[in-house]
N, C-alpha and C. Protein backbone atom coordinates (compact mmCIF):
# COMPACT_ATOMS: atom_id res chain seq x y z
N MET A 1 -44.83 -55.19 -82.98
CA MET A 1 -44.04 -56.40 -82.92
C MET A 1 -44.97 -57.57 -82.63
N THR A 2 -44.75 -58.63 -83.29
CA THR A 2 -45.62 -59.79 -83.09
C THR A 2 -45.23 -60.52 -81.81
N LYS A 3 -46.14 -61.35 -81.40
CA LYS A 3 -45.93 -62.11 -80.17
C LYS A 3 -44.70 -63.03 -80.29
N MET A 4 -44.49 -63.60 -81.47
CA MET A 4 -43.36 -64.50 -81.70
C MET A 4 -42.03 -63.74 -81.59
N ASN A 5 -41.96 -62.52 -82.13
CA ASN A 5 -40.74 -61.72 -82.07
C ASN A 5 -40.41 -61.33 -80.63
N ARG A 6 -41.44 -60.96 -79.86
CA ARG A 6 -41.20 -60.59 -78.46
C ARG A 6 -40.69 -61.78 -77.65
N ARG A 7 -41.26 -62.95 -77.90
CA ARG A 7 -40.82 -64.15 -77.20
C ARG A 7 -39.37 -64.47 -77.56
N TRP A 8 -39.02 -64.36 -78.82
CA TRP A 8 -37.65 -64.62 -79.26
C TRP A 8 -36.68 -63.62 -78.62
N LEU A 9 -37.04 -62.33 -78.58
CA LEU A 9 -36.21 -61.30 -77.96
C LEU A 9 -36.03 -61.56 -76.47
N ARG A 10 -37.14 -61.88 -75.79
CA ARG A 10 -37.08 -62.15 -74.35
C ARG A 10 -36.21 -63.37 -74.07
N ASN A 11 -36.34 -64.43 -74.84
CA ASN A 11 -35.53 -65.64 -74.64
C ASN A 11 -34.05 -65.37 -74.92
N SER A 12 -33.79 -64.59 -75.95
CA SER A 12 -32.40 -64.23 -76.28
C SER A 12 -31.77 -63.42 -75.16
N LEU A 13 -32.49 -62.44 -74.63
CA LEU A 13 -31.98 -61.63 -73.52
C LEU A 13 -31.76 -62.48 -72.27
N LEU A 14 -32.65 -63.40 -72.02
CA LEU A 14 -32.51 -64.30 -70.86
C LEU A 14 -31.26 -65.17 -71.01
N ILE A 15 -31.06 -65.76 -72.17
CA ILE A 15 -29.89 -66.60 -72.41
C ILE A 15 -28.61 -65.77 -72.32
N PHE A 16 -28.61 -64.57 -72.93
CA PHE A 16 -27.45 -63.70 -72.86
C PHE A 16 -27.14 -63.32 -71.41
N SER A 17 -28.16 -63.01 -70.61
CA SER A 17 -27.96 -62.64 -69.21
C SER A 17 -27.38 -63.80 -68.41
N ILE A 18 -27.89 -64.99 -68.64
CA ILE A 18 -27.38 -66.17 -67.93
C ILE A 18 -25.92 -66.42 -68.30
N LEU A 19 -25.60 -66.32 -69.59
CA LEU A 19 -24.21 -66.50 -70.02
C LEU A 19 -23.30 -65.44 -69.43
N PHE A 20 -23.74 -64.19 -69.42
CA PHE A 20 -22.93 -63.10 -68.87
C PHE A 20 -22.68 -63.31 -67.38
N ILE A 21 -23.70 -63.64 -66.62
CA ILE A 21 -23.55 -63.87 -65.18
C ILE A 21 -22.64 -65.07 -64.94
N SER A 22 -22.77 -66.12 -65.75
CA SER A 22 -21.91 -67.30 -65.60
C SER A 22 -20.45 -66.95 -65.86
N LEU A 23 -20.19 -66.13 -66.88
CA LEU A 23 -18.82 -65.73 -67.19
C LEU A 23 -18.23 -64.87 -66.08
N VAL A 24 -19.03 -63.98 -65.49
CA VAL A 24 -18.55 -63.15 -64.40
C VAL A 24 -18.20 -64.02 -63.19
N ILE A 25 -19.06 -64.97 -62.86
CA ILE A 25 -18.79 -65.86 -61.73
C ILE A 25 -17.55 -66.71 -62.00
N TYR A 26 -17.41 -67.23 -63.22
CA TYR A 26 -16.22 -68.00 -63.59
C TYR A 26 -14.97 -67.14 -63.47
N GLY A 27 -15.02 -65.91 -63.93
CA GLY A 27 -13.88 -65.00 -63.85
C GLY A 27 -13.47 -64.73 -62.42
N ILE A 28 -14.44 -64.56 -61.54
CA ILE A 28 -14.14 -64.32 -60.12
C ILE A 28 -13.44 -65.53 -59.51
N PHE A 29 -13.97 -66.72 -59.77
CA PHE A 29 -13.35 -67.94 -59.23
C PHE A 29 -11.97 -68.17 -59.82
N LEU A 30 -11.80 -67.90 -61.11
CA LEU A 30 -10.49 -68.06 -61.73
C LEU A 30 -9.48 -67.10 -61.11
N TYR A 31 -9.85 -65.85 -60.90
CA TYR A 31 -8.97 -64.87 -60.28
C TYR A 31 -8.58 -65.31 -58.87
N MET A 32 -9.56 -65.75 -58.10
CA MET A 32 -9.29 -66.18 -56.72
C MET A 32 -8.35 -67.39 -56.71
N ASP A 33 -8.54 -68.32 -57.62
CA ASP A 33 -7.69 -69.50 -57.69
C ASP A 33 -6.27 -69.14 -58.08
N LEU A 34 -6.11 -68.27 -59.07
CA LEU A 34 -4.77 -67.86 -59.50
C LEU A 34 -4.06 -67.06 -58.41
N ASN A 35 -4.78 -66.19 -57.73
CA ASN A 35 -4.18 -65.40 -56.65
C ASN A 35 -3.78 -66.30 -55.48
N GLU A 36 -4.59 -67.29 -55.20
CA GLU A 36 -4.26 -68.23 -54.12
C GLU A 36 -2.98 -69.01 -54.47
N GLU A 37 -2.83 -69.40 -55.72
CA GLU A 37 -1.63 -70.12 -56.15
C GLU A 37 -0.40 -69.20 -56.06
N ARG A 38 -0.57 -67.93 -56.41
CA ARG A 38 0.54 -66.97 -56.38
C ARG A 38 1.03 -66.74 -54.95
N THR A 39 0.12 -66.72 -54.00
CA THR A 39 0.47 -66.43 -52.60
C THR A 39 0.53 -67.69 -51.74
N LYS A 40 0.58 -68.84 -52.38
CA LYS A 40 0.61 -70.11 -51.66
C LYS A 40 1.82 -70.17 -50.72
N GLY A 41 1.59 -70.47 -49.48
CA GLY A 41 2.66 -70.62 -48.50
C GLY A 41 3.06 -69.33 -47.80
N PHE A 42 2.54 -68.19 -48.21
CA PHE A 42 2.91 -66.92 -47.59
C PHE A 42 2.54 -66.90 -46.11
N SER A 43 1.37 -67.40 -45.76
CA SER A 43 0.95 -67.35 -44.35
C SER A 43 1.82 -68.27 -43.49
N LYS A 44 2.22 -69.42 -44.02
CA LYS A 44 3.11 -70.33 -43.27
C LYS A 44 4.48 -69.68 -43.08
N THR A 45 5.00 -69.05 -44.12
CA THR A 45 6.29 -68.36 -44.01
C THR A 45 6.21 -67.26 -42.98
N GLN A 46 5.15 -66.50 -43.02
CA GLN A 46 4.97 -65.40 -42.06
C GLN A 46 4.92 -65.93 -40.64
N ARG A 47 4.14 -66.97 -40.43
CA ARG A 47 4.01 -67.58 -39.09
C ARG A 47 5.36 -68.11 -38.60
N ASP A 48 6.09 -68.83 -39.47
CA ASP A 48 7.38 -69.40 -39.08
C ASP A 48 8.39 -68.31 -38.72
N LEU A 49 8.46 -67.26 -39.52
CA LEU A 49 9.45 -66.21 -39.27
C LEU A 49 9.14 -65.44 -37.99
N ILE A 50 7.90 -65.17 -37.73
CA ILE A 50 7.55 -64.45 -36.50
C ILE A 50 7.86 -65.30 -35.28
N GLN A 51 7.66 -66.62 -35.37
CA GLN A 51 7.94 -67.50 -34.24
C GLN A 51 9.43 -67.74 -34.04
N GLN A 52 10.21 -67.82 -35.12
CA GLN A 52 11.59 -68.29 -35.02
C GLN A 52 12.65 -67.20 -35.16
N THR A 53 12.28 -65.97 -35.48
CA THR A 53 13.27 -64.91 -35.66
C THR A 53 12.89 -63.70 -34.81
N SER A 54 13.68 -62.66 -34.92
CA SER A 54 13.40 -61.43 -34.18
C SER A 54 12.42 -60.52 -34.92
N ILE A 55 11.93 -60.96 -36.07
CA ILE A 55 10.95 -60.18 -36.84
C ILE A 55 9.63 -60.15 -36.08
N THR A 56 9.08 -58.95 -35.92
CA THR A 56 7.78 -58.81 -35.24
C THR A 56 6.68 -58.35 -36.19
N ASP A 57 7.07 -57.73 -37.31
CA ASP A 57 6.08 -57.21 -38.26
C ASP A 57 6.55 -57.50 -39.67
N ILE A 58 5.69 -58.12 -40.48
CA ILE A 58 6.03 -58.41 -41.87
C ILE A 58 5.21 -57.49 -42.76
N GLU A 59 5.93 -56.71 -43.58
CA GLU A 59 5.28 -55.73 -44.45
C GLU A 59 4.86 -56.32 -45.78
N LYS A 60 5.73 -57.17 -46.35
CA LYS A 60 5.46 -57.68 -47.70
C LYS A 60 6.21 -58.98 -47.90
N ILE A 61 5.62 -59.87 -48.69
CA ILE A 61 6.27 -61.12 -49.08
C ILE A 61 6.17 -61.24 -50.60
N GLU A 62 7.31 -61.54 -51.23
CA GLU A 62 7.36 -61.77 -52.66
C GLU A 62 7.97 -63.15 -52.89
N LYS A 63 7.86 -63.64 -54.10
CA LYS A 63 8.46 -64.93 -54.43
C LYS A 63 9.58 -64.69 -55.43
N PHE A 64 10.73 -65.34 -55.20
CA PHE A 64 11.85 -65.30 -56.14
C PHE A 64 12.16 -66.72 -56.57
N ASN A 65 12.23 -66.93 -57.88
CA ASN A 65 12.57 -68.24 -58.43
C ASN A 65 13.90 -68.14 -59.15
N GLY A 66 14.92 -68.71 -58.55
CA GLY A 66 16.23 -68.77 -59.18
C GLY A 66 16.65 -70.22 -59.24
N GLU A 67 17.87 -70.52 -58.82
CA GLU A 67 18.29 -71.91 -58.73
C GLU A 67 17.41 -72.64 -57.71
N GLN A 68 17.01 -71.92 -56.68
CA GLN A 68 16.05 -72.40 -55.70
C GLN A 68 14.96 -71.35 -55.57
N ALA A 69 13.80 -71.77 -55.11
CA ALA A 69 12.70 -70.83 -54.89
C ALA A 69 12.77 -70.31 -53.46
N TYR A 70 12.54 -69.01 -53.32
CA TYR A 70 12.57 -68.35 -52.02
C TYR A 70 11.34 -67.45 -51.87
N HIS A 71 10.92 -67.29 -50.63
CA HIS A 71 10.04 -66.18 -50.30
C HIS A 71 10.96 -65.06 -49.82
N VAL A 72 10.78 -63.89 -50.40
CA VAL A 72 11.55 -62.72 -49.99
C VAL A 72 10.65 -61.92 -49.06
N VAL A 73 11.06 -61.81 -47.80
CA VAL A 73 10.21 -61.23 -46.76
C VAL A 73 10.79 -59.90 -46.30
N TYR A 74 9.97 -58.87 -46.34
CA TYR A 74 10.35 -57.56 -45.83
C TYR A 74 9.72 -57.42 -44.46
N GLY A 75 10.55 -57.29 -43.42
CA GLY A 75 10.02 -57.23 -42.07
C GLY A 75 10.76 -56.25 -41.19
N LYS A 76 10.22 -56.06 -39.99
CA LYS A 76 10.82 -55.17 -39.00
C LYS A 76 10.98 -55.93 -37.69
N THR A 77 12.03 -55.55 -36.96
CA THR A 77 12.25 -56.11 -35.62
C THR A 77 11.62 -55.19 -34.59
N GLU A 78 11.69 -55.59 -33.32
CA GLU A 78 11.12 -54.78 -32.24
C GLU A 78 11.74 -53.39 -32.17
N ASP A 79 13.05 -53.30 -32.44
CA ASP A 79 13.71 -52.00 -32.36
C ASP A 79 13.51 -51.15 -33.62
N GLY A 80 12.71 -51.65 -34.58
CA GLY A 80 12.37 -50.87 -35.77
C GLY A 80 13.31 -51.04 -36.94
N SER A 81 14.35 -51.88 -36.80
CA SER A 81 15.26 -52.06 -37.93
C SER A 81 14.59 -52.95 -38.99
N GLU A 82 14.75 -52.54 -40.25
CA GLU A 82 14.13 -53.26 -41.35
C GLU A 82 15.08 -54.34 -41.86
N LYS A 83 14.52 -55.50 -42.13
CA LYS A 83 15.29 -56.65 -42.60
C LYS A 83 14.64 -57.20 -43.86
N ILE A 84 15.48 -57.81 -44.70
CA ILE A 84 15.00 -58.60 -45.82
C ILE A 84 15.51 -60.01 -45.59
N ILE A 85 14.59 -60.97 -45.59
CA ILE A 85 14.92 -62.36 -45.30
C ILE A 85 14.57 -63.21 -46.51
N PHE A 86 15.51 -64.08 -46.89
CA PHE A 86 15.28 -65.05 -47.95
C PHE A 86 14.93 -66.38 -47.27
N TYR A 87 13.68 -66.80 -47.43
CA TYR A 87 13.17 -68.01 -46.80
C TYR A 87 13.07 -69.10 -47.87
N PRO A 88 13.97 -70.12 -47.84
CA PRO A 88 13.94 -71.16 -48.89
C PRO A 88 12.67 -72.00 -48.78
N LEU A 89 12.13 -72.36 -49.93
CA LEU A 89 10.89 -73.15 -49.95
C LEU A 89 11.17 -74.65 -49.93
N ALA A 90 12.34 -75.07 -50.39
CA ALA A 90 12.66 -76.49 -50.44
C ALA A 90 13.29 -76.94 -49.12
N GLY A 91 13.00 -78.18 -48.77
CA GLY A 91 13.64 -78.79 -47.61
C GLY A 91 12.96 -78.46 -46.29
N SER A 92 13.22 -79.31 -45.31
CA SER A 92 12.63 -79.08 -43.99
C SER A 92 13.53 -78.22 -43.12
N GLU A 93 14.85 -78.30 -43.33
CA GLU A 93 15.79 -77.45 -42.61
C GLU A 93 15.96 -76.16 -43.40
N LYS A 94 15.53 -75.05 -42.83
CA LYS A 94 15.56 -73.77 -43.53
C LYS A 94 16.80 -72.97 -43.13
N GLN A 95 17.66 -72.69 -44.07
CA GLN A 95 18.81 -71.83 -43.84
C GLN A 95 18.43 -70.44 -44.34
N LEU A 96 18.13 -69.56 -43.41
CA LEU A 96 17.69 -68.22 -43.75
C LEU A 96 18.88 -67.33 -44.08
N THR A 97 18.69 -66.47 -45.07
CA THR A 97 19.67 -65.45 -45.40
C THR A 97 19.00 -64.12 -45.08
N THR A 98 19.66 -63.32 -44.23
CA THR A 98 19.07 -62.06 -43.77
C THR A 98 20.02 -60.92 -44.08
N VAL A 99 19.45 -59.79 -44.48
CA VAL A 99 20.24 -58.59 -44.73
C VAL A 99 19.49 -57.40 -44.13
N ASP A 100 20.24 -56.47 -43.53
CA ASP A 100 19.64 -55.25 -43.01
C ASP A 100 19.33 -54.32 -44.17
N ALA A 101 18.14 -53.77 -44.19
CA ALA A 101 17.71 -52.90 -45.29
C ALA A 101 18.56 -51.64 -45.39
N ASP A 102 19.12 -51.19 -44.27
CA ASP A 102 19.94 -49.97 -44.34
C ASP A 102 21.35 -50.23 -44.86
N GLU A 103 21.74 -51.49 -45.05
CA GLU A 103 23.05 -51.83 -45.60
C GLU A 103 23.03 -51.95 -47.12
N ILE A 104 21.86 -51.97 -47.71
CA ILE A 104 21.76 -52.22 -49.15
C ILE A 104 21.37 -50.96 -49.90
N LEU A 105 21.52 -51.04 -51.21
CA LEU A 105 21.09 -49.97 -52.10
C LEU A 105 19.56 -50.06 -52.19
N PRO A 106 18.84 -48.98 -51.81
CA PRO A 106 17.37 -49.05 -51.85
C PRO A 106 16.86 -49.30 -53.28
N GLU A 107 15.71 -49.92 -53.36
CA GLU A 107 15.12 -50.26 -54.65
C GLU A 107 14.97 -49.03 -55.53
N SER A 108 14.53 -47.92 -54.97
CA SER A 108 14.32 -46.71 -55.77
C SER A 108 15.63 -46.20 -56.37
N LYS A 109 16.73 -46.27 -55.61
CA LYS A 109 18.04 -45.85 -56.15
C LYS A 109 18.53 -46.82 -57.21
N MET A 110 18.29 -48.12 -56.99
CA MET A 110 18.69 -49.11 -57.99
C MET A 110 17.95 -48.87 -59.29
N ILE A 111 16.67 -48.61 -59.20
CA ILE A 111 15.87 -48.34 -60.40
C ILE A 111 16.33 -47.05 -61.07
N GLY A 112 16.67 -46.04 -60.27
CA GLY A 112 17.18 -44.79 -60.82
C GLY A 112 18.48 -44.99 -61.57
N MET A 113 19.40 -45.80 -61.01
CA MET A 113 20.67 -46.10 -61.69
C MET A 113 20.40 -46.83 -63.01
N TRP A 114 19.50 -47.80 -62.96
CA TRP A 114 19.18 -48.58 -64.14
C TRP A 114 18.55 -47.69 -65.23
N GLN A 115 17.63 -46.81 -64.82
CA GLN A 115 16.98 -45.94 -65.80
C GLN A 115 17.96 -44.98 -66.46
N SER A 116 18.97 -44.54 -65.74
CA SER A 116 19.96 -43.66 -66.35
C SER A 116 20.80 -44.41 -67.39
N GLU A 117 20.98 -45.73 -67.22
CA GLU A 117 21.71 -46.54 -68.18
C GLU A 117 20.85 -46.95 -69.37
N CYS A 118 19.57 -47.08 -69.15
CA CYS A 118 18.66 -47.58 -70.18
C CYS A 118 17.35 -46.79 -70.14
N PRO A 119 17.37 -45.53 -70.60
CA PRO A 119 16.19 -44.68 -70.46
C PRO A 119 14.98 -45.13 -71.28
N SER A 120 15.20 -45.87 -72.37
CA SER A 120 14.07 -46.28 -73.20
C SER A 120 13.54 -47.67 -72.81
N CYS A 121 14.10 -48.28 -71.78
CA CYS A 121 13.66 -49.61 -71.34
C CYS A 121 12.40 -49.48 -70.48
N GLN A 122 11.62 -50.56 -70.48
CA GLN A 122 10.37 -50.58 -69.72
C GLN A 122 10.47 -51.62 -68.60
N LEU A 123 10.51 -51.13 -67.35
CA LEU A 123 10.66 -52.01 -66.19
C LEU A 123 9.39 -52.81 -65.95
N VAL A 124 9.57 -54.11 -65.68
CA VAL A 124 8.46 -54.98 -65.31
C VAL A 124 8.41 -55.12 -63.79
N LYS A 125 9.57 -55.44 -63.18
CA LYS A 125 9.62 -55.55 -61.73
C LYS A 125 11.06 -55.55 -61.24
N ALA A 126 11.23 -55.23 -59.97
CA ALA A 126 12.53 -55.29 -59.30
C ALA A 126 12.32 -56.07 -58.01
N THR A 127 13.15 -57.10 -57.80
CA THR A 127 13.01 -57.96 -56.63
C THR A 127 14.39 -58.32 -56.09
N PRO A 128 14.56 -58.37 -54.77
CA PRO A 128 15.81 -58.91 -54.24
C PRO A 128 15.96 -60.37 -54.66
N ALA A 129 17.19 -60.78 -54.95
CA ALA A 129 17.45 -62.12 -55.44
C ALA A 129 18.63 -62.73 -54.71
N LEU A 130 18.69 -64.05 -54.72
CA LEU A 130 19.80 -64.79 -54.12
C LEU A 130 20.25 -65.84 -55.13
N LEU A 131 21.41 -65.59 -55.76
CA LEU A 131 21.99 -66.53 -56.73
C LEU A 131 23.42 -66.82 -56.32
N ASP A 132 23.79 -68.08 -56.30
CA ASP A 132 25.16 -68.48 -55.94
C ASP A 132 25.60 -67.85 -54.62
N ASN A 133 24.71 -67.79 -53.66
CA ASN A 133 24.95 -67.17 -52.35
C ASN A 133 25.32 -65.69 -52.45
N GLU A 134 24.96 -65.03 -53.53
CA GLU A 134 25.18 -63.60 -53.74
C GLU A 134 23.84 -62.89 -53.60
N LEU A 135 23.81 -61.83 -52.81
CA LEU A 135 22.61 -61.02 -52.69
C LEU A 135 22.59 -60.02 -53.83
N LEU A 136 21.51 -60.01 -54.59
CA LEU A 136 21.42 -59.22 -55.81
C LEU A 136 20.06 -58.56 -55.93
N TRP A 137 19.97 -57.58 -56.82
CA TRP A 137 18.69 -57.07 -57.29
C TRP A 137 18.41 -57.74 -58.62
N GLU A 138 17.20 -58.27 -58.78
CA GLU A 138 16.77 -58.81 -60.07
C GLU A 138 15.88 -57.76 -60.72
N LEU A 139 16.33 -57.20 -61.83
CA LEU A 139 15.55 -56.24 -62.59
C LEU A 139 15.04 -56.95 -63.83
N VAL A 140 13.74 -56.98 -63.99
CA VAL A 140 13.12 -57.60 -65.16
C VAL A 140 12.54 -56.48 -65.99
N TYR A 141 12.92 -56.44 -67.29
CA TYR A 141 12.46 -55.34 -68.14
C TYR A 141 12.51 -55.72 -69.61
N TYR A 142 11.91 -54.86 -70.43
CA TYR A 142 12.01 -54.94 -71.88
C TYR A 142 13.02 -53.90 -72.31
N ASP A 143 14.03 -54.31 -73.09
CA ASP A 143 15.04 -53.36 -73.54
C ASP A 143 14.58 -52.67 -74.83
N GLU A 144 15.47 -51.83 -75.40
CA GLU A 144 15.11 -51.05 -76.57
C GLU A 144 14.84 -51.91 -77.81
N GLU A 145 15.37 -53.14 -77.86
CA GLU A 145 15.07 -54.06 -78.96
C GLU A 145 13.91 -54.99 -78.63
N ASN A 146 13.20 -54.69 -77.54
CA ASN A 146 12.04 -55.46 -77.07
C ASN A 146 12.40 -56.87 -76.62
N HIS A 147 13.65 -57.06 -76.15
CA HIS A 147 14.04 -58.33 -75.52
C HIS A 147 13.53 -58.32 -74.09
N TYR A 148 13.17 -59.48 -73.59
CA TYR A 148 12.79 -59.63 -72.20
C TYR A 148 14.06 -59.95 -71.43
N VAL A 149 14.44 -59.08 -70.47
CA VAL A 149 15.75 -59.16 -69.84
C VAL A 149 15.62 -59.39 -68.33
N PHE A 150 16.42 -60.33 -67.82
CA PHE A 150 16.62 -60.51 -66.39
C PHE A 150 18.02 -59.99 -66.11
N ASP A 151 18.11 -58.88 -65.39
CA ASP A 151 19.39 -58.23 -65.11
C ASP A 151 19.66 -58.34 -63.61
N TYR A 152 20.79 -58.96 -63.24
CA TYR A 152 21.14 -59.15 -61.84
C TYR A 152 22.27 -58.21 -61.48
N ARG A 153 22.07 -57.43 -60.39
CA ARG A 153 23.06 -56.46 -59.94
C ARG A 153 23.25 -56.58 -58.44
N SER A 154 24.43 -56.20 -57.97
CA SER A 154 24.74 -56.28 -56.55
C SER A 154 23.72 -55.48 -55.74
N ILE A 155 23.27 -56.06 -54.66
CA ILE A 155 22.30 -55.39 -53.81
C ILE A 155 22.96 -54.28 -52.99
N TYR A 156 24.29 -54.30 -52.93
CA TYR A 156 25.01 -53.31 -52.13
C TYR A 156 25.41 -52.07 -52.92
N ASP A 157 25.90 -52.25 -54.14
CA ASP A 157 26.38 -51.08 -54.90
C ASP A 157 25.82 -50.98 -56.32
N GLY A 158 25.02 -51.95 -56.75
CA GLY A 158 24.42 -51.90 -58.07
C GLY A 158 25.33 -52.35 -59.20
N SER A 159 26.50 -52.91 -58.87
CA SER A 159 27.40 -53.36 -59.93
C SER A 159 26.80 -54.58 -60.65
N HIS A 160 27.13 -54.70 -61.92
CA HIS A 160 26.56 -55.75 -62.77
C HIS A 160 27.06 -57.13 -62.34
N TYR A 161 26.15 -58.10 -62.26
CA TYR A 161 26.51 -59.49 -61.94
C TYR A 161 26.34 -60.36 -63.19
N GLU A 162 25.13 -60.39 -63.74
CA GLU A 162 24.86 -61.10 -64.99
C GLU A 162 23.51 -60.67 -65.53
N ASP A 163 23.28 -60.94 -66.80
CA ASP A 163 21.95 -60.71 -67.35
C ASP A 163 21.61 -61.82 -68.33
N ILE A 164 20.33 -62.02 -68.49
CA ILE A 164 19.79 -63.03 -69.40
C ILE A 164 18.79 -62.31 -70.29
N ARG A 165 18.97 -62.46 -71.61
CA ARG A 165 18.09 -61.80 -72.58
C ARG A 165 17.38 -62.87 -73.40
N TYR A 166 16.08 -62.68 -73.53
CA TYR A 166 15.28 -63.58 -74.34
C TYR A 166 14.81 -62.85 -75.59
N LEU A 167 14.99 -63.51 -76.73
CA LEU A 167 14.52 -62.94 -77.98
C LEU A 167 13.07 -63.31 -78.20
N ARG A 168 12.30 -62.37 -78.69
CA ARG A 168 10.89 -62.63 -78.98
C ARG A 168 10.80 -63.30 -80.34
N GLN A 169 10.21 -64.47 -80.38
CA GLN A 169 10.08 -65.23 -81.63
C GLN A 169 8.84 -64.80 -82.43
N PHE A 170 7.76 -64.51 -81.72
CA PHE A 170 6.51 -64.17 -82.38
C PHE A 170 5.98 -62.87 -81.84
N ASN A 171 5.33 -62.09 -82.66
CA ASN A 171 4.71 -60.84 -82.22
C ASN A 171 3.21 -60.99 -82.14
């Protein structure tokens, strides 16, 4: 190999390495930024609920976007009872909605009921929801016609409340 070819190969490898390292660093920062946006306000919600309610331990926080945005908080009290709290994100006066976890249909049973009704559907997620002051399960899935579906069911018995289906325009 001539000296010119080796220099060209070495420069190409150097440029490729710099580009690869730059893309990895950019990807890491992009992931961190997106994750921070997804969990924005979770620590404030956690701090407020521990200070102002009987919750002593918070297991998980999710976000629900309906007519209003809520943080859905899964927590435990000192006596070990599990609670689900809907913490509204809008406004300075927070009206919390709380439900005992042992009073509701567990997520696994709700998913089991749904799967028996729609065995070929593909579940995306299941989240507690609050619409029109009704406590519901929000099941998001793709149905057999590949529609993207938001299915709302009673959190107590799994009865149907409403569903929204989106048609896919482009593949």
